[in-house]
């Protein structure tokens, strides 16, 4: 994609192209290429936790903030391609209140994993070793919140 943006920007040097169109092409495709190159470097934190609750990142501009009172557990699992996913199991009341149970695809995903986690999880791009650090952080901030490895359905309670 970046190479394509560079190629289109190079086409703007053709002498027969009007100056205004060349400048517009450079701005549009040049900024698009810069954005495509920068996106992996400005990716958001997967889970942001503090004393009030958890913010689950769903992209650069979207995140879902959930209070600890609405969190039943923090969850992680590994999928077949080797990637990890992290998120929360929200209470049924929170899921009803926010409409998470009625969203298309949500019930399907919940049935596959076996937990109500649709729309409250995100891909973990960090090193797998740091998941243990995240478990410790959850237990430090909210000692009563269990951590679930959804792939194993292993509930680990704070020690």
C-alpha atoms as a PDB file:
ATOM      1  CA  UNK A   1       0.000   0.000   0.000  1.00  0.00           C
ATOM      2  CA  UNK A   2       2.836   2.365   0.852  1.00  0.00           C
ATOM      3  CA  UNK A   3       4.619   1.466  -2.390  1.00  0.00           C
ATOM      4  CA  UNK A   4       1.417   2.176  -4.315  1.00  0.00           C
ATOM      5  CA  UNK A   5       1.123   5.618  -2.684  1.00  0.00           C
ATOM      6  CA  UNK A   6       4.752   6.360  -3.586  1.00  0.00           C
ATOM      7  CA  UNK A   7       4.118   5.219  -7.155  1.00  0.00           C
ATOM      8  CA  UNK A   8       1.054   7.434  -7.545  1.00  0.00           C
ATOM      9  CA  UNK A   9       2.950  10.391  -6.063  1.00  0.00           C
ATOM     10  CA  UNK A  10       5.736   9.770  -8.592  1.00  0.00           C
ATOM     11  CA  UNK A  11       3.145   9.948 -11.389  1.00  0.00           C
ATOM     12  CA  UNK A  12       2.395  13.501 -10.290  1.00  0.00           C
ATOM     13  CA  UNK A  13       5.736  14.528 -11.886  1.00  0.00           C
ATOM     14  CA  UNK A  14       4.352  13.919 -15.395  1.00  0.00           C
ATOM     15  CA  UNK A  15       4.661  17.318 -17.140  1.00  0.00           C
ATOM     16  CA  UNK A  16       1.153  17.279 -18.671  1.00  0.00           C
ATOM     17  CA  UNK A  17      -0.656  17.129 -15.307  1.00  0.00           C
ATOM     18  CA  UNK A  18      -2.022  20.514 -14.158  1.00  0.00           C
ATOM     19  CA  UNK A  19      -0.248  21.929 -11.106  1.00  0.00           C
ATOM     20  CA  UNK A  20      -3.414  21.925  -8.949  1.00  0.00           C
ATOM     21  CA  UNK A  21      -4.076  18.251  -9.679  1.00  0.00           C
ATOM     22  CA  UNK A  22      -0.433  17.372  -8.988  1.00  0.00           C
ATOM     23  CA  UNK A  23      -0.518  19.155  -5.630  1.00  0.00           C
ATOM     24  CA  UNK A  24      -3.843  17.513  -4.708  1.00  0.00           C
ATOM     25  CA  UNK A  25      -2.436  14.093  -5.661  1.00  0.00           C
ATOM     26  CA  UNK A  26       0.697  14.657  -3.589  1.00  0.00           C
ATOM     27  CA  UNK A  27      -1.333  15.750  -0.576  1.00  0.00           C
ATOM     28  CA  UNK A  28      -3.906  12.951  -0.826  1.00  0.00           C
ATOM     29  CA  UNK A  29      -1.634  10.032  -1.672  1.00  0.00           C
ATOM     30  CA  UNK A  30       1.362  11.355   0.234  1.00  0.00           C
ATOM     31  CA  UNK A  31      -0.586  11.754   3.453  1.00  0.00           C
ATOM     32  CA  UNK A  32      -2.280   8.397   2.881  1.00  0.00           C
ATOM     33  CA  UNK A  33       1.103   6.699   2.532  1.00  0.00           C
ATOM     34  CA  UNK A  34       2.423   8.428   5.647  1.00  0.00           C
ATOM     35  CA  UNK A  35      -0.655   7.380   7.598  1.00  0.00           C
ATOM     36  CA  UNK A  36      -0.330   3.770   6.402  1.00  0.00           C
ATOM     37  CA  UNK A  37       3.324   3.750   7.480  1.00  0.00           C
ATOM     38  CA  UNK A  38       2.565   5.331  10.870  1.00  0.00           C
ATOM     39  CA  UNK A  39      -0.469   3.240  11.876  1.00  0.00           C
ATOM     40  CA  UNK A  40       1.453   0.312  13.386  1.00  0.00           C
ATOM     41  CA  UNK A  41       3.501   2.748  15.457  1.00  0.00           C
ATOM     42  CA  UNK A  42       0.549   4.662  16.894  1.00  0.00           C
ATOM     43  CA  UNK A  43      -1.631   1.660  17.725  1.00  0.00           C
ATOM     44  CA  UNK A  44      -3.520   2.041  21.012  1.00  0.00           C
ATOM     45  CA  UNK A  45      -2.966   0.115  24.222  1.00  0.00           C
ATOM     46  CA  UNK A  46      -5.086  -3.061  24.248  1.00  0.00           C
ATOM     47  CA  UNK A  47      -6.469  -2.681  27.782  1.00  0.00           C
ATOM     48  CA  UNK A  48      -6.098   0.448  29.877  1.00  0.00           C
ATOM     49  CA  UNK A  49      -6.851  -0.167  33.555  1.00  0.00           C
ATOM     50  CA  UNK A  50      -7.184   2.208  36.478  1.00  0.00           C
ATOM     51  CA  UNK A  51      -9.054   2.383  39.781  1.00  0.00           C
ATOM     52  CA  UNK A  52     -12.368   3.207  38.045  1.00  0.00           C
ATOM     53  CA  UNK A  53     -12.400   0.460  35.428  1.00  0.00           C
ATOM     54  CA  UNK A  54     -11.100  -0.897  32.147  1.00  0.00           C
ATOM     55  CA  UNK A  55     -10.956   0.704  28.703  1.00  0.00           C
ATOM     56  CA  UNK A  56     -10.928  -1.917  25.933  1.00  0.00           C
ATOM     57  CA  UNK A  57      -9.410  -0.540  22.747  1.00  0.00           C
ATOM     58  CA  UNK A  58     -11.344  -1.290  19.549  1.00  0.00           C
ATOM     59  CA  UNK A  59      -9.100   0.756  17.254  1.00  0.00           C
ATOM     60  CA  UNK A  60      -7.376   4.104  17.252  1.00  0.00           C
ATOM     61  CA  UNK A  61     -10.512   6.204  17.826  1.00  0.00           C
ATOM     62  CA  UNK A  62     -12.772   3.691  19.535  1.00  0.00           C
ATOM     63  CA  UNK A  63     -12.618   2.259  23.015  1.00  0.00           C
ATOM     64  CA  UNK A  64     -15.186   0.916  25.431  1.00  0.00           C
ATOM     65  CA  UNK A  65     -14.909   2.068  29.060  1.00  0.00           C
ATOM     66  CA  UNK A  66     -16.323  -0.373  31.616  1.00  0.00           C
ATOM     67  CA  UNK A  67     -16.413   0.214  35.380  1.00  0.00           C
ATOM     68  CA  UNK A  68     -15.003  -2.530  37.608  1.00  0.00           C
ATOM     69  CA  UNK A  69     -18.497  -3.077  39.024  1.00  0.00           C
ATOM     70  CA  UNK A  70     -19.573  -4.181  35.527  1.00  0.00           C
ATOM     71  CA  UNK A  71     -16.602  -6.542  35.016  1.00  0.00           C
ATOM     72  CA  UNK A  72     -17.020 -10.208  35.954  1.00  0.00           C
ATOM     73  CA  UNK A  73     -13.547 -11.255  34.756  1.00  0.00           C
ATOM     74  CA  UNK A  74     -10.633 -10.304  32.556  1.00  0.00           C
ATOM     75  CA  UNK A  75     -10.101 -12.831  29.786  1.00  0.00           C
ATOM     76  CA  UNK A  76      -7.398 -13.862  27.331  1.00  0.00           C
ATOM     77  CA  UNK A  77      -6.995 -16.649  24.808  1.00  0.00           C
ATOM     78  CA  UNK A  78      -4.824 -17.722  21.939  1.00  0.00           C
ATOM     79  CA  UNK A  79      -6.290 -18.480  18.529  1.00  0.00           C
ATOM     80  CA  UNK A  80      -5.061 -20.989  15.958  1.00  0.00           C
ATOM     81  CA  UNK A  81      -2.902 -18.478  14.077  1.00  0.00           C
ATOM     82  CA  UNK A  82      -0.916 -17.885  17.281  1.00  0.00           C
ATOM     83  CA  UNK A  83      -2.267 -14.422  18.056  1.00  0.00           C
ATOM     84  CA  UNK A  84      -3.565 -13.523  21.498  1.00  0.00           C
ATOM     85  CA  UNK A  85      -6.786 -11.709  22.351  1.00  0.00           C
ATOM     86  CA  UNK A  86      -7.602  -9.947  25.629  1.00  0.00           C
ATOM     87  CA  UNK A  87     -10.718  -8.359  27.027  1.00  0.00           C
ATOM     88  CA  UNK A  88     -13.355  -8.552  29.695  1.00  0.00           C
ATOM     89  CA  UNK A  89     -16.444 -10.545  30.549  1.00  0.00           C
ATOM     90  CA  UNK A  90     -19.024  -7.874  31.316  1.00  0.00           C
ATOM     91  CA  UNK A  91     -21.972  -8.460  33.605  1.00  0.00           C
ATOM     92  CA  UNK A  92     -25.301  -9.388  31.985  1.00  0.00           C
ATOM     93  CA  UNK A  93     -26.762  -6.090  33.238  1.00  0.00           C
ATOM     94  CA  UNK A  94     -24.024  -4.078  31.478  1.00  0.00           C
ATOM     95  CA  UNK A  95     -24.445  -6.087  28.272  1.00  0.00           C
ATOM     96  CA  UNK A  96     -28.223  -5.446  28.327  1.00  0.00           C
ATOM     97  CA  UNK A  97     -27.802  -1.764  29.184  1.00  0.00           C
ATOM     98  CA  UNK A  98     -25.338  -1.141  26.323  1.00  0.00           C
ATOM     99  CA  UNK A  99     -27.018  -3.453  23.792  1.00  0.00           C
ATOM    100  CA  UNK A 100     -24.001  -5.756  23.442  1.00  0.00           C
ATOM    101  CA  UNK A 101     -26.193  -8.871  23.506  1.00  0.00           C
ATOM    102  CA  UNK A 102     -28.308  -7.674  20.613  1.00  0.00           C
ATOM    103  CA  UNK A 103     -25.480  -6.839  18.197  1.00  0.00           C
ATOM    104  CA  UNK A 104     -25.171  -9.039  15.156  1.00  0.00           C
ATOM    105  CA  UNK A 105     -22.358 -11.561  15.418  1.00  0.00           C
ATOM    106  CA  UNK A 106     -22.036 -11.140  19.160  1.00  0.00           C
ATOM    107  CA  UNK A 107     -23.975 -14.224  20.169  1.00  0.00           C
ATOM    108  CA  UNK A 108     -22.102 -16.261  17.552  1.00  0.00           C
ATOM    109  CA  UNK A 109     -18.732 -15.221  18.982  1.00  0.00           C
ATOM    110  CA  UNK A 110     -19.908 -15.781  22.543  1.00  0.00           C
ATOM    111  CA  UNK A 111     -20.991 -19.328  21.648  1.00  0.00           C
ATOM    112  CA  UNK A 112     -17.654 -20.110  19.968  1.00  0.00           C
ATOM    113  CA  UNK A 113     -15.577 -19.001  22.975  1.00  0.00           C
ATOM    114  CA  UNK A 114     -18.112 -20.075  25.582  1.00  0.00           C
ATOM    115  CA  UNK A 115     -18.110 -16.716  27.378  1.00  0.00           C
ATOM    116  CA  UNK A 116     -19.982 -13.436  26.763  1.00  0.00           C
ATOM    117  CA  UNK A 117     -17.015 -11.478  25.398  1.00  0.00           C
ATOM    118  CA  UNK A 118     -18.198 -10.103  22.044  1.00  0.00           C
ATOM    119  CA  UNK A 119     -17.462  -6.395  21.544  1.00  0.00           C
ATOM    120  CA  UNK A 120     -15.368  -6.237  24.745  1.00  0.00           C
ATOM    121  CA  UNK A 121     -12.154  -7.836  23.466  1.00  0.00           C
ATOM    122  CA  UNK A 122      -9.243  -6.747  21.313  1.00  0.00           C
ATOM    123  CA  UNK A 123      -6.186  -8.309  19.712  1.00  0.00           C
ATOM    124  CA  UNK A 124      -3.066  -8.339  21.881  1.00  0.00           C
ATOM    125  CA  UNK A 125      -0.033  -7.251  19.877  1.00  0.00           C
ATOM    126  CA  UNK A 126       2.386  -7.261  22.802  1.00  0.00           C
ATOM    127  CA  UNK A 127       4.739 -10.068  23.790  1.00  0.00           C
ATOM    128  CA  UNK A 128       2.943 -13.068  25.319  1.00  0.00           C
ATOM    129  CA  UNK A 129       5.156 -12.786  28.440  1.00  0.00           C
ATOM    130  CA  UNK A 130       3.549  -9.450  29.288  1.00  0.00           C
ATOM    131  CA  UNK A 131       0.167 -11.111  29.761  1.00  0.00           C
ATOM    132  CA  UNK A 132       1.440 -12.266  33.181  1.00  0.00           C
ATOM    133  CA  UNK A 133       2.262  -8.645  33.998  1.00  0.00           C
ATOM    134  CA  UNK A 134      -1.273  -7.690  32.985  1.00  0.00           C
ATOM    135  CA  UNK A 135      -2.704 -10.388  35.279  1.00  0.00           C
ATOM    136  CA  UNK A 136      -0.683  -8.950  38.167  1.00  0.00           C
ATOM    137  CA  UNK A 137      -1.913  -5.438  37.319  1.00  0.00           C
ATOM    138  CA  UNK A 138      -5.551  -6.575  37.306  1.00  0.00           C
ATOM    139  CA  UNK A 139      -5.156  -8.238  40.689  1.00  0.00           C
ATOM    140  CA  UNK A 140      -3.397  -5.172  42.088  1.00  0.00           C
ATOM    141  CA  UNK A 141      -6.102  -2.762  40.881  1.00  0.00           C
ATOM    142  CA  UNK A 142      -9.155  -4.999  41.369  1.00  0.00           C
ATOM    143  CA  UNK A 143      -8.239  -7.921  43.652  1.00  0.00           C
ATOM    144  CA  UNK A 144     -11.645  -9.622  43.363  1.00  0.00           C
ATOM    145  CA  UNK A 145     -11.586  -9.845  39.557  1.00  0.00           C
ATOM    146  CA  UNK A 146     -10.561 -13.283  38.220  1.00  0.00           C
ATOM    147  CA  UNK A 147      -8.482 -13.833  35.095  1.00  0.00           C
ATOM    148  CA  UNK A 148      -9.808 -16.437  32.647  1.00  0.00           C
ATOM    149  CA  UNK A 149      -7.788 -18.192  29.958  1.00  0.00           C
ATOM    150  CA  UNK A 150     -10.728 -18.784  27.620  1.00  0.00           C
ATOM    151  CA  UNK A 151      -8.883 -21.349  25.528  1.00  0.00           C
ATOM    152  CA  UNK A 152      -8.489 -23.550  28.602  1.00  0.00           C
ATOM    153  CA  UNK A 153     -11.579 -22.279  30.462  1.00  0.00           C
ATOM    154  CA  UNK A 154      -9.178 -21.951  33.363  1.00  0.00           C
ATOM    155  CA  UNK A 155     -10.362 -19.515  36.021  1.00  0.00           C
ATOM    156  CA  UNK A 156      -7.467 -18.152  37.999  1.00  0.00           C
ATOM    157  CA  UNK A 157      -8.457 -16.323  41.158  1.00  0.00           C
ATOM    158  CA  UNK A 158      -6.209 -13.825  42.889  1.00  0.00           C
ATOM    159  CA  UNK A 159      -3.849 -15.435  45.380  1.00  0.00           C
END
